[in-house]
Amino acid sequence: MRDLDEDGSLDNPGDILYEVPTRTGQKDNYNLGLGFSITWSEPLDKKLQDQCKEAAAANIDLMKQTTANKRLDFEIARLKNCGELKKQGIYFHPKSPYYKVCADVVVTNPGGVIPPHTHSIPQPNAPFSTESKDLGGPIGIQE
């Protein structure tokens, strides 16, 4: 920042006036370093660590039970809906990809309910007998 001609304004403001070469001694450098580190940590309060493990195990058990409950609810709903539809004669075609959804559901009569049915009673081929001995009655004593 100079004013050599003393006119009140700077001569060459912001320009580089000259450069000075400076030796830095910088060379290409190649380095290979291998290192090894081990850390051993011992908790000072094992009680907190044990509580944390117990809490994590309880949470995992709770999640597993919740999943099992939801699966059971799904299977019971599937069983109920498929059974009601099968009673009404509604079902998927065997070639349908959804046929297997209800394929394992079996509909039967509830316990103690006998379905409507008929029996055929065979007629005897032998002639009828009116004797009590032939009918299985007591044998009388003749006098």
N, C-alpha and C. Protein backbone atom coordinates (compact mmCIF):
# COMPACT_ATOMS: atom_id res chain seq x y z
N MET A 1 0.85 -1.15 0.00
CA MET A 1 0.00 0.00 0.00
C MET A 1 0.92 1.24 0.00
N ARG A 2 1.20 1.72 -1.21
CA ARG A 2 2.10 2.86 -1.32
C ARG A 2 1.52 3.95 -2.21
N ASP A 3 1.93 5.12 -1.89
CA ASP A 3 1.60 6.26 -2.73
C ASP A 3 2.94 6.92 -3.09
N LEU A 4 3.60 6.42 -4.15
CA LEU A 4 4.94 6.90 -4.50
C LEU A 4 4.93 8.27 -5.17
N ASP A 5 3.88 8.53 -5.90
CA ASP A 5 3.85 9.82 -6.57
C ASP A 5 3.16 10.89 -5.71
N GLU A 6 2.75 10.57 -4.56
CA GLU A 6 2.16 11.44 -3.56
C GLU A 6 1.02 12.28 -4.10
N ASP A 7 0.15 11.61 -4.86
CA ASP A 7 -1.02 12.31 -5.38
C ASP A 7 -2.27 12.05 -4.53
N GLY A 8 -2.14 11.29 -3.46
CA GLY A 8 -3.25 11.02 -2.56
C GLY A 8 -3.99 9.74 -2.88
N SER A 9 -3.64 9.06 -3.96
CA SER A 9 -4.27 7.78 -4.26
C SER A 9 -3.20 6.71 -4.31
N LEU A 10 -3.60 5.50 -3.97
CA LEU A 10 -2.65 4.39 -3.92
C LEU A 10 -2.23 3.98 -5.31
N ASP A 11 -0.96 3.62 -5.44
CA ASP A 11 -0.46 3.13 -6.72
C ASP A 11 -0.73 1.63 -6.79
N ASN A 12 -1.36 1.16 -7.87
CA ASN A 12 -1.67 -0.26 -8.11
C ASN A 12 -2.34 -0.92 -6.90
N PRO A 13 -3.52 -0.45 -6.48
CA PRO A 13 -4.15 -1.04 -5.30
C PRO A 13 -4.63 -2.47 -5.58
N GLY A 14 -4.29 -3.41 -4.72
CA GLY A 14 -4.71 -4.80 -4.82
C GLY A 14 -3.90 -5.62 -5.78
N ASP A 15 -2.98 -5.06 -6.51
CA ASP A 15 -2.16 -5.84 -7.45
C ASP A 15 -0.97 -6.44 -6.72
N ILE A 16 -0.51 -7.56 -7.29
CA ILE A 16 0.71 -8.18 -6.76
C ILE A 16 1.88 -7.41 -7.34
N LEU A 17 2.70 -6.89 -6.47
CA LEU A 17 3.81 -6.06 -6.91
C LEU A 17 5.02 -6.91 -7.29
N TYR A 18 5.26 -7.97 -6.56
CA TYR A 18 6.37 -8.86 -6.88
C TYR A 18 6.19 -10.17 -6.12
N GLU A 19 6.90 -11.23 -6.53
CA GLU A 19 6.88 -12.53 -5.88
C GLU A 19 8.28 -12.88 -5.45
N VAL A 20 8.38 -13.50 -4.29
CA VAL A 20 9.66 -13.96 -3.77
C VAL A 20 9.60 -15.48 -3.67
N PRO A 21 10.46 -16.20 -4.37
CA PRO A 21 10.44 -17.67 -4.23
C PRO A 21 10.90 -18.07 -2.83
N THR A 22 10.12 -19.00 -2.24
CA THR A 22 10.43 -19.47 -0.90
C THR A 22 10.58 -20.99 -0.94
N ARG A 23 11.68 -21.49 -0.40
CA ARG A 23 11.92 -22.93 -0.40
C ARG A 23 11.20 -23.53 0.79
N THR A 24 10.32 -24.55 0.50
CA THR A 24 9.58 -25.21 1.60
C THR A 24 10.19 -26.54 1.97
N GLY A 25 10.95 -27.15 1.07
CA GLY A 25 11.53 -28.47 1.36
C GLY A 25 10.52 -29.60 1.24
N GLN A 26 9.36 -29.33 0.66
CA GLN A 26 8.34 -30.36 0.54
C GLN A 26 8.69 -31.32 -0.57
N LYS A 27 8.61 -32.63 -0.26
CA LYS A 27 8.89 -33.68 -1.22
C LYS A 27 7.71 -34.65 -1.22
N ASP A 28 7.71 -35.55 -2.21
CA ASP A 28 6.72 -36.62 -2.19
C ASP A 28 7.01 -37.52 -1.02
N ASN A 29 5.94 -37.93 -0.35
CA ASN A 29 6.12 -38.75 0.85
C ASN A 29 5.18 -39.95 0.75
N TYR A 30 5.69 -41.14 0.94
CA TYR A 30 4.90 -42.37 0.98
C TYR A 30 5.09 -43.01 2.34
N ASN A 31 3.95 -43.40 2.93
CA ASN A 31 4.03 -43.94 4.28
C ASN A 31 3.07 -45.12 4.38
N LEU A 32 3.50 -46.16 5.04
CA LEU A 32 2.66 -47.31 5.32
C LEU A 32 2.74 -47.56 6.81
N GLY A 33 1.61 -47.51 7.44
CA GLY A 33 1.60 -47.73 8.89
C GLY A 33 0.56 -48.78 9.26
N LEU A 34 0.94 -49.71 10.07
CA LEU A 34 0.03 -50.74 10.58
C LEU A 34 -0.13 -50.51 12.07
N GLY A 35 -1.33 -50.66 12.52
CA GLY A 35 -1.57 -50.45 13.94
C GLY A 35 -2.47 -51.53 14.51
N PHE A 36 -2.46 -51.66 15.80
CA PHE A 36 -3.27 -52.65 16.49
C PHE A 36 -3.74 -52.02 17.79
N SER A 37 -5.02 -52.24 18.09
CA SER A 37 -5.57 -51.64 19.29
C SER A 37 -6.52 -52.61 19.96
N ILE A 38 -6.47 -52.71 21.25
CA ILE A 38 -7.38 -53.55 22.04
C ILE A 38 -7.93 -52.69 23.17
N THR A 39 -9.24 -52.86 23.41
CA THR A 39 -9.86 -52.17 24.53
C THR A 39 -10.62 -53.18 25.36
N TRP A 40 -10.43 -53.14 26.63
CA TRP A 40 -11.16 -54.02 27.55
C TRP A 40 -11.97 -53.13 28.48
N SER A 41 -13.28 -53.41 28.55
CA SER A 41 -14.14 -52.57 29.36
C SER A 41 -14.85 -53.44 30.38
N GLU A 42 -14.84 -53.04 31.60
CA GLU A 42 -15.49 -53.77 32.69
C GLU A 42 -16.49 -52.82 33.34
N PRO A 43 -17.81 -53.16 33.27
CA PRO A 43 -18.78 -52.27 33.90
C PRO A 43 -18.60 -52.23 35.41
N LEU A 44 -18.79 -51.05 35.97
CA LEU A 44 -18.61 -50.90 37.41
C LEU A 44 -19.85 -51.36 38.18
N ASP A 45 -21.03 -51.32 37.52
CA ASP A 45 -22.26 -51.70 38.20
C ASP A 45 -22.96 -52.77 37.36
N LYS A 46 -22.74 -54.06 37.68
CA LYS A 46 -23.33 -55.15 36.92
C LYS A 46 -24.84 -55.23 37.11
N LYS A 47 -25.35 -54.68 38.20
CA LYS A 47 -26.79 -54.75 38.47
C LYS A 47 -27.58 -54.05 37.36
N LEU A 48 -27.13 -52.87 36.92
CA LEU A 48 -27.81 -52.15 35.86
C LEU A 48 -27.74 -52.92 34.55
N GLN A 49 -26.61 -53.53 34.29
CA GLN A 49 -26.46 -54.31 33.06
C GLN A 49 -27.40 -55.53 33.09
N ASP A 50 -27.50 -56.20 34.23
CA ASP A 50 -28.41 -57.34 34.36
C ASP A 50 -29.87 -56.91 34.21
N GLN A 51 -30.23 -55.76 34.79
CA GLN A 51 -31.60 -55.25 34.64
C GLN A 51 -31.90 -54.92 33.19
N CYS A 52 -30.93 -54.38 32.48
CA CYS A 52 -31.12 -54.05 31.08
C CYS A 52 -31.35 -55.32 30.27
N LYS A 53 -30.58 -56.36 30.55
CA LYS A 53 -30.75 -57.63 29.85
C LYS A 53 -32.11 -58.25 30.16
N GLU A 54 -32.54 -58.19 31.41
CA GLU A 54 -33.85 -58.72 31.79
C GLU A 54 -34.97 -57.94 31.10
N ALA A 55 -34.84 -56.63 31.05
CA ALA A 55 -35.86 -55.80 30.41
C ALA A 55 -35.93 -56.11 28.91
N ALA A 56 -34.78 -56.29 28.28
CA ALA A 56 -34.76 -56.62 26.86
C ALA A 56 -35.39 -57.98 26.61
N ALA A 57 -35.07 -58.97 27.45
CA ALA A 57 -35.65 -60.31 27.30
C ALA A 57 -37.16 -60.27 27.52
N ALA A 58 -37.63 -59.51 28.51
CA ALA A 58 -39.07 -59.39 28.76
C ALA A 58 -39.76 -58.72 27.59
N ASN A 59 -39.13 -57.71 27.02
CA ASN A 59 -39.72 -57.02 25.87
C ASN A 59 -39.80 -57.95 24.66
N ILE A 60 -38.77 -58.74 24.44
CA ILE A 60 -38.77 -59.70 23.33
C ILE A 60 -39.87 -60.74 23.55
N ASP A 61 -40.00 -61.25 24.78
CA ASP A 61 -41.06 -62.22 25.08
C ASP A 61 -42.44 -61.61 24.85
N LEU A 62 -42.62 -60.36 25.24
CA LEU A 62 -43.90 -59.68 25.04
C LEU A 62 -44.22 -59.54 23.56
N MET A 63 -43.23 -59.18 22.75
CA MET A 63 -43.44 -59.05 21.31
C MET A 63 -43.79 -60.40 20.69
N LYS A 64 -43.12 -61.46 21.14
CA LYS A 64 -43.42 -62.80 20.61
C LYS A 64 -44.84 -63.22 20.98
N GLN A 65 -45.25 -62.96 22.21
CA GLN A 65 -46.60 -63.32 22.65
C GLN A 65 -47.65 -62.51 21.90
N THR A 66 -47.38 -61.23 21.69
CA THR A 66 -48.31 -60.38 20.94
C THR A 66 -48.47 -60.90 19.51
N THR A 67 -47.36 -61.30 18.90
CA THR A 67 -47.41 -61.85 17.55
C THR A 67 -48.19 -63.16 17.53
N ALA A 68 -47.97 -64.02 18.53
CA ALA A 68 -48.70 -65.29 18.61
C ALA A 68 -50.19 -65.05 18.80
N ASN A 69 -50.57 -64.07 19.63
CA ASN A 69 -51.98 -63.75 19.84
C ASN A 69 -52.64 -63.26 18.55
N LYS A 70 -51.92 -62.40 17.82
CA LYS A 70 -52.48 -61.90 16.56
C LYS A 70 -52.62 -63.02 15.55
N ARG A 71 -51.68 -63.95 15.52
CA ARG A 71 -51.77 -65.08 14.60
C ARG A 71 -52.96 -65.96 14.96
N LEU A 72 -53.17 -66.20 16.26
CA LEU A 72 -54.32 -67.00 16.70
C LEU A 72 -55.63 -66.30 16.33
N ASP A 73 -55.71 -65.00 16.55
CA ASP A 73 -56.92 -64.24 16.17
C ASP A 73 -57.18 -64.37 14.67
N PHE A 74 -56.13 -64.27 13.87
CA PHE A 74 -56.27 -64.39 12.42
C PHE A 74 -56.79 -65.77 12.04
N GLU A 75 -56.21 -66.82 12.63
CA GLU A 75 -56.61 -68.19 12.28
C GLU A 75 -58.05 -68.48 12.71
N ILE A 76 -58.46 -67.98 13.88
CA ILE A 76 -59.83 -68.19 14.34
C ILE A 76 -60.81 -67.45 13.43
N ALA A 77 -60.48 -66.23 13.03
CA ALA A 77 -61.36 -65.48 12.12
C ALA A 77 -61.45 -66.18 10.77
N ARG A 78 -60.33 -66.71 10.29
CA ARG A 78 -60.32 -67.44 9.02
C ARG A 78 -61.19 -68.69 9.13
N LEU A 79 -61.04 -69.42 10.23
CA LEU A 79 -61.83 -70.64 10.45
C LEU A 79 -63.32 -70.33 10.50
N LYS A 80 -63.69 -69.28 11.23
CA LYS A 80 -65.10 -68.90 11.37
C LYS A 80 -65.68 -68.48 10.03
N ASN A 81 -65.01 -67.59 9.33
CA ASN A 81 -65.53 -67.09 8.05
C ASN A 81 -65.60 -68.19 7.00
N CYS A 82 -64.56 -69.00 6.90
CA CYS A 82 -64.57 -70.08 5.91
C CYS A 82 -65.66 -71.09 6.24
N GLY A 83 -65.84 -71.42 7.54
CA GLY A 83 -66.87 -72.37 7.93
C GLY A 83 -68.26 -71.87 7.62
N GLU A 84 -68.53 -70.61 7.91
CA GLU A 84 -69.85 -70.04 7.63
C GLU A 84 -70.13 -70.04 6.12
N LEU A 85 -69.13 -69.70 5.34
CA LEU A 85 -69.32 -69.69 3.89
C LEU A 85 -69.51 -71.09 3.34
N LYS A 86 -68.79 -72.06 3.86
CA LYS A 86 -68.95 -73.44 3.39
C LYS A 86 -70.34 -73.97 3.74
N LYS A 87 -70.88 -73.59 4.92
CA LYS A 87 -72.24 -74.00 5.28
C LYS A 87 -73.25 -73.47 4.27
N GLN A 88 -72.99 -72.28 3.74
CA GLN A 88 -73.90 -71.67 2.78
C GLN A 88 -73.63 -72.15 1.36
N GLY A 89 -72.62 -73.00 1.21
CA GLY A 89 -72.30 -73.51 -0.13
C GLY A 89 -71.46 -72.56 -0.95
N ILE A 90 -70.78 -71.63 -0.29
CA ILE A 90 -69.95 -70.65 -1.00
C ILE A 90 -68.49 -71.02 -0.78
N TYR A 91 -67.76 -71.19 -1.86
CA TYR A 91 -66.34 -71.52 -1.74
C TYR A 91 -65.63 -71.14 -3.03
N PHE A 92 -64.31 -71.06 -2.98
CA PHE A 92 -63.50 -70.73 -4.15
C PHE A 92 -63.40 -71.93 -5.07
N HIS A 93 -63.26 -71.66 -6.34
CA HIS A 93 -63.04 -72.72 -7.32
C HIS A 93 -61.69 -73.38 -7.01
N PRO A 94 -61.58 -74.70 -7.17
CA PRO A 94 -60.30 -75.38 -6.85
C PRO A 94 -59.11 -74.85 -7.64
N LYS A 95 -59.30 -74.24 -8.79
CA LYS A 95 -58.18 -73.70 -9.56
C LYS A 95 -57.84 -72.27 -9.17
N SER A 96 -58.62 -71.68 -8.27
CA SER A 96 -58.38 -70.31 -7.83
C SER A 96 -57.16 -70.27 -6.91
N PRO A 97 -56.37 -69.21 -6.99
CA PRO A 97 -55.22 -69.12 -6.07
C PRO A 97 -55.67 -68.95 -4.61
N TYR A 98 -56.93 -68.57 -4.39
CA TYR A 98 -57.42 -68.37 -3.03
C TYR A 98 -58.11 -69.62 -2.46
N TYR A 99 -58.18 -70.66 -3.25
CA TYR A 99 -58.82 -71.90 -2.80
C TYR A 99 -58.13 -72.45 -1.55
N LYS A 100 -56.82 -72.33 -1.51
CA LYS A 100 -56.06 -72.89 -0.38
C LYS A 100 -56.30 -72.14 0.93
N VAL A 101 -56.89 -70.93 0.87
CA VAL A 101 -57.16 -70.17 2.09
C VAL A 101 -58.12 -70.94 3.00
N CYS A 102 -59.13 -71.56 2.42
CA CYS A 102 -60.12 -72.29 3.20
C CYS A 102 -60.04 -73.80 2.99
N ALA A 103 -59.00 -74.28 2.31
CA ALA A 103 -58.92 -75.70 1.97
C ALA A 103 -58.84 -76.60 3.20
N ASP A 104 -58.26 -76.13 4.29
CA ASP A 104 -58.09 -76.98 5.47
C ASP A 104 -59.23 -76.85 6.47
N VAL A 105 -60.29 -76.11 6.13
CA VAL A 105 -61.43 -75.93 7.04
C VAL A 105 -62.46 -77.02 6.76
N VAL A 106 -62.85 -77.74 7.82
CA VAL A 106 -63.83 -78.83 7.70
C VAL A 106 -65.08 -78.43 8.48
N VAL A 107 -66.24 -78.58 7.85
CA VAL A 107 -67.51 -78.25 8.50
C VAL A 107 -68.23 -79.56 8.84
N THR A 108 -68.58 -79.74 10.11
CA THR A 108 -69.34 -80.91 10.56
C THR A 108 -70.48 -80.42 11.44
N ASN A 109 -71.32 -81.36 11.85
CA ASN A 109 -72.40 -81.00 12.75
C ASN A 109 -71.85 -80.75 14.15
N PRO A 110 -72.44 -79.83 14.88
CA PRO A 110 -71.99 -79.60 16.25
C PRO A 110 -72.22 -80.84 17.11
N GLY A 111 -71.51 -80.93 18.20
CA GLY A 111 -71.65 -82.08 19.10
C GLY A 111 -73.08 -82.27 19.56
N GLY A 112 -73.59 -83.51 19.53
CA GLY A 112 -74.94 -83.83 19.98
C GLY A 112 -76.01 -83.61 18.94
N VAL A 113 -75.66 -83.11 17.76
CA VAL A 113 -76.65 -82.87 16.71
C VAL A 113 -76.50 -83.98 15.67
N ILE A 114 -77.60 -84.67 15.43
CA ILE A 114 -77.59 -85.74 14.45
C ILE A 114 -78.18 -85.19 13.16
N PRO A 115 -77.49 -85.39 12.05
CA PRO A 115 -78.01 -84.87 10.78
C PRO A 115 -79.25 -85.65 10.36
N PRO A 116 -80.13 -85.05 9.58
CA PRO A 116 -81.30 -85.78 9.11
C PRO A 116 -80.87 -87.01 8.31
N HIS A 117 -81.50 -88.15 8.61
CA HIS A 117 -81.14 -89.39 7.92
C HIS A 117 -82.31 -90.37 7.98
N THR A 118 -82.23 -91.42 7.23
CA THR A 118 -83.26 -92.48 7.24
C THR A 118 -82.59 -93.82 7.38
N HIS A 119 -83.34 -94.77 7.90
CA HIS A 119 -82.86 -96.14 8.02
C HIS A 119 -83.81 -97.05 7.25
N SER A 120 -83.29 -98.05 6.65
CA SER A 120 -84.17 -99.05 6.04
C SER A 120 -84.22 -100.25 6.99
N ILE A 121 -85.43 -100.69 7.27
CA ILE A 121 -85.61 -101.84 8.16
C ILE A 121 -85.92 -103.05 7.28
N PRO A 122 -85.06 -104.03 7.37
CA PRO A 122 -85.28 -105.20 6.50
C PRO A 122 -86.53 -105.99 6.94
N GLN A 123 -87.25 -106.49 5.98
CA GLN A 123 -88.43 -107.30 6.25
C GLN A 123 -87.99 -108.76 6.37
N PRO A 124 -88.58 -109.50 7.34
CA PRO A 124 -88.19 -110.92 7.47
C PRO A 124 -88.71 -111.73 6.28
N ASN A 125 -87.92 -112.69 5.89
CA ASN A 125 -88.29 -113.55 4.77
C ASN A 125 -89.11 -114.76 5.23
N ALA A 126 -88.95 -115.16 6.48
CA ALA A 126 -89.64 -116.36 7.00
C ALA A 126 -91.08 -116.01 7.33
N PRO A 127 -91.98 -117.01 7.28
CA PRO A 127 -93.37 -116.74 7.65
C PRO A 127 -93.48 -116.44 9.13
N PHE A 128 -94.53 -115.67 9.47
CA PHE A 128 -94.73 -115.29 10.86
C PHE A 128 -95.26 -116.47 11.66
N SER A 129 -94.82 -116.49 12.92
CA SER A 129 -95.30 -117.54 13.83
C SER A 129 -95.98 -116.87 14.99
N THR A 130 -97.06 -117.42 15.45
CA THR A 130 -97.77 -116.86 16.59
C THR A 130 -97.47 -117.63 17.86
N GLU A 131 -96.62 -118.60 17.80
CA GLU A 131 -96.25 -119.40 18.97
C GLU A 131 -95.38 -118.55 19.88
N SER A 132 -95.64 -118.66 21.21
CA SER A 132 -94.87 -117.86 22.16
C SER A 132 -93.42 -118.27 22.19
N LYS A 133 -93.13 -119.56 21.94
CA LYS A 133 -91.73 -119.98 21.95
C LYS A 133 -90.96 -119.36 20.80
N ASP A 134 -91.66 -119.12 19.67
CA ASP A 134 -90.99 -118.49 18.54
C ASP A 134 -90.82 -116.99 18.74
N LEU A 135 -91.67 -116.42 19.59
CA LEU A 135 -91.61 -114.98 19.83
C LEU A 135 -90.69 -114.62 20.99
N GLY A 136 -90.12 -115.59 21.66
CA GLY A 136 -89.21 -115.32 22.76
C GLY A 136 -89.92 -115.16 24.08
N GLY A 137 -91.18 -115.51 24.17
CA GLY A 137 -91.91 -115.40 25.43
C GLY A 137 -91.61 -116.59 26.34
N PRO A 138 -92.15 -116.54 27.57
CA PRO A 138 -91.89 -117.66 28.49
C PRO A 138 -92.59 -118.93 27.99
N ILE A 139 -91.91 -119.99 28.22
CA ILE A 139 -92.48 -121.28 27.83
C ILE A 139 -93.47 -121.70 28.91
N GLY A 140 -94.67 -121.97 28.44
CA GLY A 140 -95.72 -122.36 29.40
C GLY A 140 -95.64 -123.85 29.73
N ILE A 141 -96.14 -124.24 30.88
CA ILE A 141 -96.18 -125.65 31.28
C ILE A 141 -97.57 -126.19 30.94
N GLN A 142 -97.57 -127.27 30.23
CA GLN A 142 -98.87 -127.89 29.85
C GLN A 142 -99.30 -128.83 30.96
N GLU A 143 -100.58 -128.91 31.24
CA GLU A 143 -101.11 -129.80 32.26
C GLU A 143 -101.95 -130.85 31.66
